[in-house]
């Protein structure tokens, strides 16, 4: 079996050639050379004897099939970097790392291994800040996934557990606001949710600029993200979490949530790298949804208030 690090390097070289020129969604270049032909050429040149490397072929196939989803994840994890603005090397290292992290066999390639291998590719082939950028993006996604496999970290790495914890009081703060929006249709209450690229249904929200009034910012955010004009009825609560930006580092995000009413209409989702769907749901359907733990209490509170109004 070919050395996995060498195999990933060949995949990166192939993706770089494919991405450097204008390619179509099937992986064909204007010259007519298919990405699979590029891969075979690179295997023969850089790894003679490994031309039948199934790991390489499978990795390329997964990247081509999942490219749209992967690129959306990258844009969500690095919101200040549209995919086309990321260097060709860095974005294809991220594609390799994310395919293994999100869609790979974790018994074969544990999440931490996928991240570390991508960082090593960045150190070898990227620019001065590539490894830091790749580590930041993949680390942010890893935390969003709930840090799978964290308990499998070796004893050698466990020494980092004794490092001083982050002092959230010293972190820069970003204020956001959102709403649990409801509407009535045929005497039935419906709730509006948005779906993110990590596979969770969540509440629509947006940033509150310094000096802006929070409730008005909430109305603006909901209108922009899902096309609804809302009337805020009351505050549901707040939560906060530490987010890691690939370049800016850690930020404490504080989110204020409201209960808000809207007329029923089709949701119009803003084009975003982080969201891929928006839907109305009946109250009875909510327990079946995959929802972030920190907003479940807010949704529960909203449902209790709505039921009390019946």
C-alpha atoms as a PDB file:
ATOM      1  CA  UNK A   1       0.000   0.000   0.000  1.00  0.00           C
ATOM      2  CA  UNK A   2       1.267   3.448  -0.859  1.00  0.00           C
ATOM      3  CA  UNK A   3       2.384   5.777   1.898  1.00  0.00           C
ATOM      4  CA  UNK A   4      -0.723   7.779   2.818  1.00  0.00           C
ATOM      5  CA  UNK A   5       1.136  11.077   3.122  1.00  0.00           C
ATOM      6  CA  UNK A   6       2.632  10.609  -0.335  1.00  0.00           C
ATOM      7  CA  UNK A   7      -0.818   9.673  -1.645  1.00  0.00           C
ATOM      8  CA  UNK A   8      -2.339  12.886  -0.264  1.00  0.00           C
ATOM      9  CA  UNK A   9       0.520  14.875  -1.795  1.00  0.00           C
ATOM     10  CA  UNK A  10      -0.276  13.399  -5.204  1.00  0.00           C
ATOM     11  CA  UNK A  11      -3.972  14.170  -4.748  1.00  0.00           C
ATOM     12  CA  UNK A  12      -3.019  17.760  -3.914  1.00  0.00           C
ATOM     13  CA  UNK A  13      -0.775  18.032  -6.980  1.00  0.00           C
ATOM     14  CA  UNK A  14      -3.605  16.694  -9.153  1.00  0.00           C
ATOM     15  CA  UNK A  15      -6.190  19.054  -7.662  1.00  0.00           C
ATOM     16  CA  UNK A  16      -3.809  21.978  -8.096  1.00  0.00           C
ATOM     17  CA  UNK A  17      -3.435  21.272 -11.831  1.00  0.00           C
ATOM     18  CA  UNK A  18      -7.181  20.757 -12.193  1.00  0.00           C
ATOM     19  CA  UNK A  19      -8.032  23.912 -10.258  1.00  0.00           C
ATOM     20  CA  UNK A  20      -5.351  26.062 -11.879  1.00  0.00           C
ATOM     21  CA  UNK A  21      -7.152  26.015 -15.193  1.00  0.00           C
ATOM     22  CA  UNK A  22     -10.859  26.586 -15.791  1.00  0.00           C
ATOM     23  CA  UNK A  23     -12.541  23.225 -15.265  1.00  0.00           C
ATOM     24  CA  UNK A  24     -16.154  22.123 -15.466  1.00  0.00           C
ATOM     25  CA  UNK A  25     -18.123  20.231 -12.835  1.00  0.00           C
ATOM     26  CA  UNK A  26     -17.194  16.871 -14.344  1.00  0.00           C
ATOM     27  CA  UNK A  27     -13.522  17.482 -13.779  1.00  0.00           C
ATOM     28  CA  UNK A  28     -12.627  18.051 -17.443  1.00  0.00           C
ATOM     29  CA  UNK A  29     -10.223  20.764 -18.486  1.00  0.00           C
ATOM     30  CA  UNK A  30     -10.537  22.844 -21.688  1.00  0.00           C
ATOM     31  CA  UNK A  31      -7.672  20.766 -23.117  1.00  0.00           C
ATOM     32  CA  UNK A  32      -9.845  17.670 -22.831  1.00  0.00           C
ATOM     33  CA  UNK A  33      -7.678  15.996 -20.183  1.00  0.00           C
ATOM     34  CA  UNK A  34      -9.819  14.489 -17.444  1.00  0.00           C
ATOM     35  CA  UNK A  35      -8.768  14.796 -13.825  1.00  0.00           C
ATOM     36  CA  UNK A  36      -8.393  11.013 -13.706  1.00  0.00           C
ATOM     37  CA  UNK A  37      -5.849  11.250 -16.529  1.00  0.00           C
ATOM     38  CA  UNK A  38      -3.964  13.921 -14.588  1.00  0.00           C
ATOM     39  CA  UNK A  39      -4.019  11.647 -11.541  1.00  0.00           C
ATOM     40  CA  UNK A  40      -2.626   8.676 -13.469  1.00  0.00           C
ATOM     41  CA  UNK A  41       0.148  10.841 -14.892  1.00  0.00           C
ATOM     42  CA  UNK A  42       1.081  12.158 -11.458  1.00  0.00           C
ATOM     43  CA  UNK A  43       1.038   8.698  -9.897  1.00  0.00           C
ATOM     44  CA  UNK A  44       3.361   7.407 -12.576  1.00  0.00           C
ATOM     45  CA  UNK A  45       5.700  10.398 -12.222  1.00  0.00           C
ATOM     46  CA  UNK A  46       5.805  10.837  -8.449  1.00  0.00           C
ATOM     47  CA  UNK A  47       4.989   7.349  -7.136  1.00  0.00           C
ATOM     48  CA  UNK A  48       6.033   4.695  -9.657  1.00  0.00           C
ATOM     49  CA  UNK A  49       4.671   1.352  -8.588  1.00  0.00           C
ATOM     50  CA  UNK A  50       1.596   2.867  -6.942  1.00  0.00           C
ATOM     51  CA  UNK A  51      -0.393   3.536 -10.115  1.00  0.00           C
ATOM     52  CA  UNK A  52      -3.278   1.439  -8.744  1.00  0.00           C
ATOM     53  CA  UNK A  53      -3.504   3.282  -5.427  1.00  0.00           C
ATOM     54  CA  UNK A  54      -7.171   2.829  -4.438  1.00  0.00           C
ATOM     55  CA  UNK A  55      -6.846   5.344  -1.593  1.00  0.00           C
ATOM     56  CA  UNK A  56      -5.881   8.116  -4.023  1.00  0.00           C
ATOM     57  CA  UNK A  57      -8.647   7.263  -6.487  1.00  0.00           C
ATOM     58  CA  UNK A  58     -11.270   7.126  -3.726  1.00  0.00           C
ATOM     59  CA  UNK A  59     -10.129  10.459  -2.272  1.00  0.00           C
ATOM     60  CA  UNK A  60     -10.310  12.204  -5.654  1.00  0.00           C
ATOM     61  CA  UNK A  61     -13.773  10.738  -6.302  1.00  0.00           C
ATOM     62  CA  UNK A  62     -15.084  11.939  -2.940  1.00  0.00           C
ATOM     63  CA  UNK A  63     -13.725  15.449  -3.454  1.00  0.00           C
ATOM     64  CA  UNK A  64     -15.373  15.725  -6.883  1.00  0.00           C
ATOM     65  CA  UNK A  65     -18.714  14.422  -5.579  1.00  0.00           C
ATOM     66  CA  UNK A  66     -18.747  16.539  -2.413  1.00  0.00           C
ATOM     67  CA  UNK A  67     -17.026  19.674  -3.729  1.00  0.00           C
ATOM     68  CA  UNK A  68     -20.069  21.970  -3.507  1.00  0.00           C
ATOM     69  CA  UNK A  69     -20.800  20.951   0.089  1.00  0.00           C
ATOM     70  CA  UNK A  70     -17.138  21.149   1.088  1.00  0.00           C
ATOM     71  CA  UNK A  71     -16.742  24.625  -0.365  1.00  0.00           C
ATOM     72  CA  UNK A  72     -19.807  25.804   1.570  1.00  0.00           C
ATOM     73  CA  UNK A  73     -18.274  24.448   4.774  1.00  0.00           C
ATOM     74  CA  UNK A  74     -15.033  26.303   4.024  1.00  0.00           C
ATOM     75  CA  UNK A  75     -16.894  29.579   3.510  1.00  0.00           C
ATOM     76  CA  UNK A  76     -18.809  29.110   6.761  1.00  0.00           C
ATOM     77  CA  UNK A  77     -15.667  28.304   8.730  1.00  0.00           C
ATOM     78  CA  UNK A  78     -13.720  31.161   7.085  1.00  0.00           C
ATOM     79  CA  UNK A  79     -16.429  33.777   6.422  1.00  0.00           C
ATOM     80  CA  UNK A  80     -13.945  36.516   5.521  1.00  0.00           C
ATOM     81  CA  UNK A  81     -12.489  34.370   2.743  1.00  0.00           C
ATOM     82  CA  UNK A  82     -14.700  33.628  -0.284  1.00  0.00           C
ATOM     83  CA  UNK A  83     -13.575  30.340  -1.795  1.00  0.00           C
ATOM     84  CA  UNK A  84     -12.148  31.991  -4.902  1.00  0.00           C
ATOM     85  CA  UNK A  85      -9.993  34.285  -2.750  1.00  0.00           C
ATOM     86  CA  UNK A  86      -8.261  31.411  -0.963  1.00  0.00           C
ATOM     87  CA  UNK A  87      -5.033  30.334  -2.646  1.00  0.00           C
ATOM     88  CA  UNK A  88      -5.295  27.286  -4.907  1.00  0.00           C
ATOM     89  CA  UNK A  89      -3.001  25.258  -2.669  1.00  0.00           C
ATOM     90  CA  UNK A  90      -4.800  26.166   0.562  1.00  0.00           C
ATOM     91  CA  UNK A  91      -8.322  25.560  -0.708  1.00  0.00           C
ATOM     92  CA  UNK A  92      -7.423  22.152  -2.109  1.00  0.00           C
ATOM     93  CA  UNK A  93      -5.651  21.155   1.093  1.00  0.00           C
ATOM     94  CA  UNK A  94      -8.868  22.116   2.879  1.00  0.00           C
ATOM     95  CA  UNK A  95     -10.897  20.040   0.434  1.00  0.00           C
ATOM     96  CA  UNK A  96      -8.721  17.011   1.154  1.00  0.00           C
ATOM     97  CA  UNK A  97      -8.869  17.533   4.905  1.00  0.00           C
ATOM     98  CA  UNK A  98     -12.621  18.144   4.977  1.00  0.00           C
ATOM     99  CA  UNK A  99     -13.476  15.107   2.860  1.00  0.00           C
ATOM    100  CA  UNK A 100     -11.557  12.925   5.291  1.00  0.00           C
ATOM    101  CA  UNK A 101     -12.934  14.737   8.333  1.00  0.00           C
ATOM    102  CA  UNK A 102     -16.591  14.820   7.258  1.00  0.00           C
ATOM    103  CA  UNK A 103     -17.034  11.821   4.976  1.00  0.00           C
ATOM    104  CA  UNK A 104     -14.115   9.480   5.643  1.00  0.00           C
ATOM    105  CA  UNK A 105     -14.018   6.218   7.574  1.00  0.00           C
ATOM    106  CA  UNK A 106     -13.012   7.355  11.069  1.00  0.00           C
ATOM    107  CA  UNK A 107     -11.771   3.899  11.978  1.00  0.00           C
ATOM    108  CA  UNK A 108      -9.297   4.184   9.102  1.00  0.00           C
ATOM    109  CA  UNK A 109      -8.507   7.913   9.311  1.00  0.00           C
ATOM    110  CA  UNK A 110      -9.385   9.416  12.721  1.00  0.00           C
ATOM    111  CA  UNK A 111     -10.428  13.086  12.654  1.00  0.00           C
ATOM    112  CA  UNK A 112      -7.238  14.266  14.351  1.00  0.00           C
ATOM    113  CA  UNK A 113      -5.154  12.405  11.783  1.00  0.00           C
ATOM    114  CA  UNK A 114      -7.098  14.031   8.925  1.00  0.00           C
ATOM    115  CA  UNK A 115      -6.441  17.475  10.413  1.00  0.00           C
ATOM    116  CA  UNK A 116      -2.768  16.829  11.134  1.00  0.00           C
ATOM    117  CA  UNK A 117      -2.154  15.437   7.651  1.00  0.00           C
ATOM    118  CA  UNK A 118      -3.711  18.536   6.090  1.00  0.00           C
ATOM    119  CA  UNK A 119      -1.538  20.778   8.260  1.00  0.00           C
ATOM    120  CA  UNK A 120       1.568  18.870   7.141  1.00  0.00           C
ATOM    121  CA  UNK A 121       0.560  19.361   3.496  1.00  0.00           C
ATOM    122  CA  UNK A 122       0.181  23.078   4.190  1.00  0.00           C
ATOM    123  CA  UNK A 123       3.635  23.243   5.780  1.00  0.00           C
ATOM    124  CA  UNK A 124       5.181  21.438   2.819  1.00  0.00           C
ATOM    125  CA  UNK A 125       3.375  23.015  -0.117  1.00  0.00           C
ATOM    126  CA  UNK A 126       1.684  26.168   1.164  1.00  0.00           C
ATOM    127  CA  UNK A 127       2.797  29.672   1.998  1.00  0.00           C
ATOM    128  CA  UNK A 128       4.086  31.136   5.225  1.00  0.00           C
ATOM    129  CA  UNK A 129       0.640  31.292   6.881  1.00  0.00           C
ATOM    130  CA  UNK A 130      -0.956  28.285   5.176  1.00  0.00           C
ATOM    131  CA  UNK A 131      -0.588  25.814   8.039  1.00  0.00           C
ATOM    132  CA  UNK A 132      -2.086  28.277  10.513  1.00  0.00           C
ATOM    133  CA  UNK A 133      -4.993  29.006   8.172  1.00  0.00           C
ATOM    134  CA  UNK A 134      -5.689  25.319   7.464  1.00  0.00           C
ATOM    135  CA  UNK A 135      -5.446  24.476  11.158  1.00  0.00           C
ATOM    136  CA  UNK A 136      -7.909  27.270  11.989  1.00  0.00           C
ATOM    137  CA  UNK A 137     -10.511  26.247   9.435  1.00  0.00           C
ATOM    138  CA  UNK A 138     -10.361  22.509  10.124  1.00  0.00           C
ATOM    139  CA  UNK A 139     -10.221  23.114  13.858  1.00  0.00           C
ATOM    140  CA  UNK A 140     -13.379  25.225  13.685  1.00  0.00           C
ATOM    141  CA  UNK A 141     -15.198  22.491  11.760  1.00  0.00           C
ATOM    142  CA  UNK A 142     -13.926  19.834  14.177  1.00  0.00           C
ATOM    143  CA  UNK A 143     -15.397  21.755  17.110  1.00  0.00           C
ATOM    144  CA  UNK A 144     -18.711  22.224  15.286  1.00  0.00           C
ATOM    145  CA  UNK A 145     -18.840  18.432  14.890  1.00  0.00           C
ATOM    146  CA  UNK A 146     -18.456  17.990  18.640  1.00  0.00           C
ATOM    147  CA  UNK A 147     -14.767  17.019  18.521  1.00  0.00           C
ATOM    148  CA  UNK A 148     -15.304  13.360  17.478  1.00  0.00           C
ATOM    149  CA  UNK A 149     -12.597  10.979  18.611  1.00  0.00           C
ATOM    150  CA  UNK A 150     -11.247  13.417  21.166  1.00  0.00           C
ATOM    151  CA  UNK A 151     -11.121  10.647  23.753  1.00  0.00           C
ATOM    152  CA  UNK A 152      -8.749   8.701  21.497  1.00  0.00           C
ATOM    153  CA  UNK A 153      -5.948  11.269  21.729  1.00  0.00           C
ATOM    154  CA  UNK A 154      -2.744   9.546  22.799  1.00  0.00           C
ATOM    155  CA  UNK A 155      -1.201   9.980  26.236  1.00  0.00           C
ATOM    156  CA  UNK A 156       1.572  11.947  24.612  1.00  0.00           C
ATOM    157  CA  UNK A 157      -0.886  14.559  23.443  1.00  0.00           C
ATOM    158  CA  UNK A 158      -2.870  14.597  26.670  1.00  0.00           C
ATOM    159  CA  UNK A 159      -0.301  16.894  28.229  1.00  0.00           C
ATOM    160  CA  UNK A 160      -1.997  19.728  26.354  1.00  0.00           C
ATOM    161  CA  UNK A 161      -5.084  19.187  28.494  1.00  0.00           C
ATOM    162  CA  UNK A 162      -3.198  20.838  31.344  1.00  0.00           C
ATOM    163  CA  UNK A 163      -2.730  24.063  29.403  1.00  0.00           C
ATOM    164  CA  UNK A 164      -4.336  27.167  30.849  1.00  0.00           C
ATOM    165  CA  UNK A 165      -7.993  27.448  29.748  1.00  0.00           C
ATOM    166  CA  UNK A 166      -9.170  30.363  27.645  1.00  0.00           C
ATOM    167  CA  UNK A 167     -10.190  33.394  29.718  1.00  0.00           C
ATOM    168  CA  UNK A 168     -13.380  34.462  27.950  1.00  0.00           C
ATOM    169  CA  UNK A 169     -13.268  37.819  29.742  1.00  0.00           C
ATOM    170  CA  UNK A 170     -10.210  38.718  27.690  1.00  0.00           C
ATOM    171  CA  UNK A 171     -11.627  37.725  24.313  1.00  0.00           C
ATOM    172  CA  UNK A 172     -13.005  40.225  21.789  1.00  0.00           C
ATOM    173  CA  UNK A 173     -16.811  40.134  21.806  1.00  0.00           C
ATOM    174  CA  UNK A 174     -19.147  39.933  18.813  1.00  0.00           C
ATOM    175  CA  UNK A 175     -22.860  40.574  19.390  1.00  0.00           C
ATOM    176  CA  UNK A 176     -25.457  38.739  17.317  1.00  0.00           C
ATOM    177  CA  UNK A 177     -29.228  38.506  17.515  1.00  0.00           C
ATOM    178  CA  UNK A 178     -31.798  36.104  16.170  1.00  0.00           C
ATOM    179  CA  UNK A 179     -35.377  34.983  16.552  1.00  0.00           C
ATOM    180  CA  UNK A 180     -37.658  31.995  16.869  1.00  0.00           C
ATOM    181  CA  UNK A 181     -40.123  33.113  14.210  1.00  0.00           C
ATOM    182  CA  UNK A 182     -43.633  31.697  14.137  1.00  0.00           C
ATOM    183  CA  UNK A 183     -46.625  32.113  11.870  1.00  0.00           C
ATOM    184  CA  UNK A 184     -50.154  30.761  11.695  1.00  0.00           C
ATOM    185  CA  UNK A 185     -51.512  28.832   8.732  1.00  0.00           C
ATOM    186  CA  UNK A 186     -54.935  27.162   8.756  1.00  0.00           C
ATOM    187  CA  UNK A 187     -55.153  27.701  12.524  1.00  0.00           C
ATOM    188  CA  UNK A 188     -51.886  25.865  13.005  1.00  0.00           C
ATOM    189  CA  UNK A 189     -48.634  27.318  14.408  1.00  0.00           C
ATOM    190  CA  UNK A 190     -45.530  26.871  12.270  1.00  0.00           C
ATOM    191  CA  UNK A 191     -41.911  27.647  13.200  1.00  0.00           C
ATOM    192  CA  UNK A 192     -39.230  28.884  10.800  1.00  0.00           C
ATOM    193  CA  UNK A 193     -35.809  27.209  10.834  1.00  0.00           C
ATOM    194  CA  UNK A 194     -32.703  27.466   8.695  1.00  0.00           C
ATOM    195  CA  UNK A 195     -30.425  24.510   7.919  1.00  0.00           C
ATOM    196  CA  UNK A 196     -26.644  24.898   7.999  1.00  0.00           C
ATOM    197  CA  UNK A 197     -23.971  23.016   6.103  1.00  0.00           C
ATOM    198  CA  UNK A 198     -23.040  21.074   9.239  1.00  0.00           C
ATOM    199  CA  UNK A 199     -26.418  19.344   9.121  1.00  0.00           C
ATOM    200  CA  UNK A 200     -28.247  21.217  11.901  1.00  0.00           C
ATOM    201  CA  UNK A 201     -31.565  23.074  11.914  1.00  0.00           C
ATOM    202  CA  UNK A 202     -31.114  26.348  13.761  1.00  0.00           C
ATOM    203  CA  UNK A 203     -32.545  29.835  14.222  1.00  0.00           C
ATOM    204  CA  UNK A 204     -32.043  32.673  11.806  1.00  0.00           C
ATOM    205  CA  UNK A 205     -29.682  35.338  13.158  1.00  0.00           C
ATOM    206  CA  UNK A 206     -27.231  38.051  12.167  1.00  0.00           C
ATOM    207  CA  UNK A 207     -24.575  40.405  13.487  1.00  0.00           C
ATOM    208  CA  UNK A 208     -25.373  43.504  15.511  1.00  0.00           C
ATOM    209  CA  UNK A 209     -23.097  46.350  14.492  1.00  0.00           C
ATOM    210  CA  UNK A 210     -21.644  48.526  17.273  1.00  0.00           C
ATOM    211  CA  UNK A 211     -24.132  51.269  18.160  1.00  0.00           C
ATOM    212  CA  UNK A 212     -27.095  49.580  16.430  1.00  0.00           C
ATOM    213  CA  UNK A 213     -30.336  48.855  18.280  1.00  0.00           C
ATOM    214  CA  UNK A 214     -30.556  45.094  18.880  1.00  0.00           C
ATOM    215  CA  UNK A 215     -34.243  44.541  18.078  1.00  0.00           C
ATOM    216  CA  UNK A 216     -34.020  46.479  14.826  1.00  0.00           C
ATOM    217  CA  UNK A 217     -30.880  44.559  13.888  1.00  0.00           C
ATOM    218  CA  UNK A 218     -32.820  41.355  14.510  1.00  0.00           C
ATOM    219  CA  UNK A 219     -35.620  42.452  12.183  1.00  0.00           C
ATOM    220  CA  UNK A 220     -33.082  43.376   9.521  1.00  0.00           C
ATOM    221  CA  UNK A 221     -31.242  40.068   9.878  1.00  0.00           C
ATOM    222  CA  UNK A 222     -34.390  37.940   9.559  1.00  0.00           C
ATOM    223  CA  UNK A 223     -35.559  39.934   6.556  1.00  0.00           C
ATOM    224  CA  UNK A 224     -32.198  39.526   4.847  1.00  0.00           C
ATOM    225  CA  UNK A 225     -31.681  35.850   5.649  1.00  0.00           C
ATOM    226  CA  UNK A 226     -35.137  34.332   5.074  1.00  0.00           C
ATOM    227  CA  UNK A 227     -37.232  37.176   3.652  1.00  0.00           C
ATOM    228  CA  UNK A 228     -39.668  37.670   6.530  1.00  0.00           C
ATOM    229  CA  UNK A 229     -40.967  40.869   8.094  1.00  0.00           C
ATOM    230  CA  UNK A 230     -41.274  40.139  11.799  1.00  0.00           C
ATOM    231  CA  UNK A 231     -42.832  41.660  14.883  1.00  0.00           C
ATOM    232  CA  UNK A 232     -40.782  41.007  18.001  1.00  0.00           C
ATOM    233  CA  UNK A 233     -42.932  39.945  20.929  1.00  0.00           C
ATOM    234  CA  UNK A 234     -40.498  39.227  23.745  1.00  0.00           C
ATOM    235  CA  UNK A 235     -36.962  38.194  24.589  1.00  0.00           C
ATOM    236  CA  UNK A 236     -36.373  34.442  24.910  1.00  0.00           C
ATOM    237  CA  UNK A 237     -32.865  34.510  26.304  1.00  0.00           C
ATOM    238  CA  UNK A 238     -29.183  34.638  25.457  1.00  0.00           C
ATOM    239  CA  UNK A 239     -26.335  32.246  24.902  1.00  0.00           C
ATOM    240  CA  UNK A 240     -22.655  32.597  24.185  1.00  0.00           C
ATOM    241  CA  UNK A 241     -19.873  30.507  22.731  1.00  0.00           C
ATOM    242  CA  UNK A 242     -16.233  30.812  21.765  1.00  0.00           C
ATOM    243  CA  UNK A 243     -15.612  30.725  18.014  1.00  0.00           C
ATOM    244  CA  UNK A 244     -12.228  30.270  16.390  1.00  0.00           C
ATOM    245  CA  UNK A 245     -11.395  32.275  13.274  1.00  0.00           C
ATOM    246  CA  UNK A 246      -8.557  30.854  11.138  1.00  0.00           C
ATOM    247  CA  UNK A 247      -6.692  34.176  11.196  1.00  0.00           C
ATOM    248  CA  UNK A 248      -8.245  36.389  13.886  1.00  0.00           C
ATOM    249  CA  UNK A 249      -8.179  33.695  16.555  1.00  0.00           C
ATOM    250  CA  UNK A 250     -10.812  33.215  19.257  1.00  0.00           C
ATOM    251  CA  UNK A 251     -13.877  35.433  19.658  1.00  0.00           C
ATOM    252  CA  UNK A 252     -16.618  35.346  22.262  1.00  0.00           C
ATOM    253  CA  UNK A 253     -19.944  35.445  20.450  1.00  0.00           C
ATOM    254  CA  UNK A 254     -22.971  36.559  22.444  1.00  0.00           C
ATOM    255  CA  UNK A 255     -26.364  35.929  20.859  1.00  0.00           C
ATOM    256  CA  UNK A 256     -29.698  37.443  21.948  1.00  0.00           C
ATOM    257  CA  UNK A 257     -32.810  35.549  20.837  1.00  0.00           C
ATOM    258  CA  UNK A 258     -36.402  36.784  20.595  1.00  0.00           C
ATOM    259  CA  UNK A 259     -39.802  35.294  19.982  1.00  0.00           C
ATOM    260  CA  UNK A 260     -41.181  36.945  16.854  1.00  0.00           C
ATOM    261  CA  UNK A 261     -44.303  36.702  14.734  1.00  0.00           C
ATOM    262  CA  UNK A 262     -44.627  36.863  10.973  1.00  0.00           C
ATOM    263  CA  UNK A 263     -47.276  36.439   8.343  1.00  0.00           C
ATOM    264  CA  UNK A 264     -47.028  33.008   6.744  1.00  0.00           C
ATOM    265  CA  UNK A 265     -45.228  33.085   3.394  1.00  0.00           C
ATOM    266  CA  UNK A 266     -42.644  31.027   1.560  1.00  0.00           C
ATOM    267  CA  UNK A 267     -39.180  31.430   3.031  1.00  0.00           C
ATOM    268  CA  UNK A 268     -36.610  32.933   0.679  1.00  0.00           C
ATOM    269  CA  UNK A 269     -33.139  31.887   1.806  1.00  0.00           C
ATOM    270  CA  UNK A 270     -30.332  34.341   1.260  1.00  0.00           C
ATOM    271  CA  UNK A 271     -27.460  32.894  -0.762  1.00  0.00           C
ATOM    272  CA  UNK A 272     -24.912  32.040   1.891  1.00  0.00           C
ATOM    273  CA  UNK A 273     -21.888  29.842   2.289  1.00  0.00           C
ATOM    274  CA  UNK A 274     -23.191  28.641   5.634  1.00  0.00           C
ATOM    275  CA  UNK A 275     -26.863  27.808   5.014  1.00  0.00           C
ATOM    276  CA  UNK A 276     -28.453  25.487   2.482  1.00  0.00           C
ATOM    277  CA  UNK A 277     -32.163  25.363   3.373  1.00  0.00           C
ATOM    278  CA  UNK A 278     -35.003  27.131   5.186  1.00  0.00           C
ATOM    279  CA  UNK A 279     -38.375  25.602   6.104  1.00  0.00           C
ATOM    280  CA  UNK A 280     -41.483  25.960   8.203  1.00  0.00           C
ATOM    281  CA  UNK A 281     -42.149  23.119  10.664  1.00  0.00           C
ATOM    282  CA  UNK A 282     -45.182  22.090  12.677  1.00  0.00           C
ATOM    283  CA  UNK A 283     -44.636  22.011  16.442  1.00  0.00           C
ATOM    284  CA  UNK A 284     -44.960  18.214  16.519  1.00  0.00           C
ATOM    285  CA  UNK A 285     -42.042  17.890  14.081  1.00  0.00           C
ATOM    286  CA  UNK A 286     -39.498  19.791  16.163  1.00  0.00           C
ATOM    287  CA  UNK A 287     -38.288  16.857  18.357  1.00  0.00           C
ATOM    288  CA  UNK A 288     -37.269  14.985  15.211  1.00  0.00           C
ATOM    289  CA  UNK A 289     -34.919  17.745  14.034  1.00  0.00           C
ATOM    290  CA  UNK A 290     -31.164  17.796  14.559  1.00  0.00           C
ATOM    291  CA  UNK A 291     -30.689  20.966  16.634  1.00  0.00           C
ATOM    292  CA  UNK A 292     -27.737  22.485  18.487  1.00  0.00           C
ATOM    293  CA  UNK A 293     -27.925  21.775  22.208  1.00  0.00           C
ATOM    294  CA  UNK A 294     -27.534  25.401  23.260  1.00  0.00           C
ATOM    295  CA  UNK A 295     -30.678  26.571  21.462  1.00  0.00           C
ATOM    296  CA  UNK A 296     -32.943  23.683  22.474  1.00  0.00           C
ATOM    297  CA  UNK A 297     -33.908  25.431  25.758  1.00  0.00           C
ATOM    298  CA  UNK A 298     -34.785  28.594  23.827  1.00  0.00           C
ATOM    299  CA  UNK A 299     -36.964  26.700  21.376  1.00  0.00           C
ATOM    300  CA  UNK A 300     -38.630  24.825  24.226  1.00  0.00           C
ATOM    301  CA  UNK A 301     -39.388  28.112  25.967  1.00  0.00           C
ATOM    302  CA  UNK A 302     -40.828  29.545  22.755  1.00  0.00           C
ATOM    303  CA  UNK A 303     -43.093  26.523  22.246  1.00  0.00           C
ATOM    304  CA  UNK A 304     -44.332  26.732  25.834  1.00  0.00           C
ATOM    305  CA  UNK A 305     -45.233  30.383  25.356  1.00  0.00           C
ATOM    306  CA  UNK A 306     -46.990  29.682  22.066  1.00  0.00           C
ATOM    307  CA  UNK A 307     -48.966  26.813  23.578  1.00  0.00           C
ATOM    308  CA  UNK A 308     -50.063  29.074  26.426  1.00  0.00           C
ATOM    309  CA  UNK A 309     -51.525  31.480  23.882  1.00  0.00           C
ATOM    310  CA  UNK A 310     -53.802  28.892  22.324  1.00  0.00           C
END
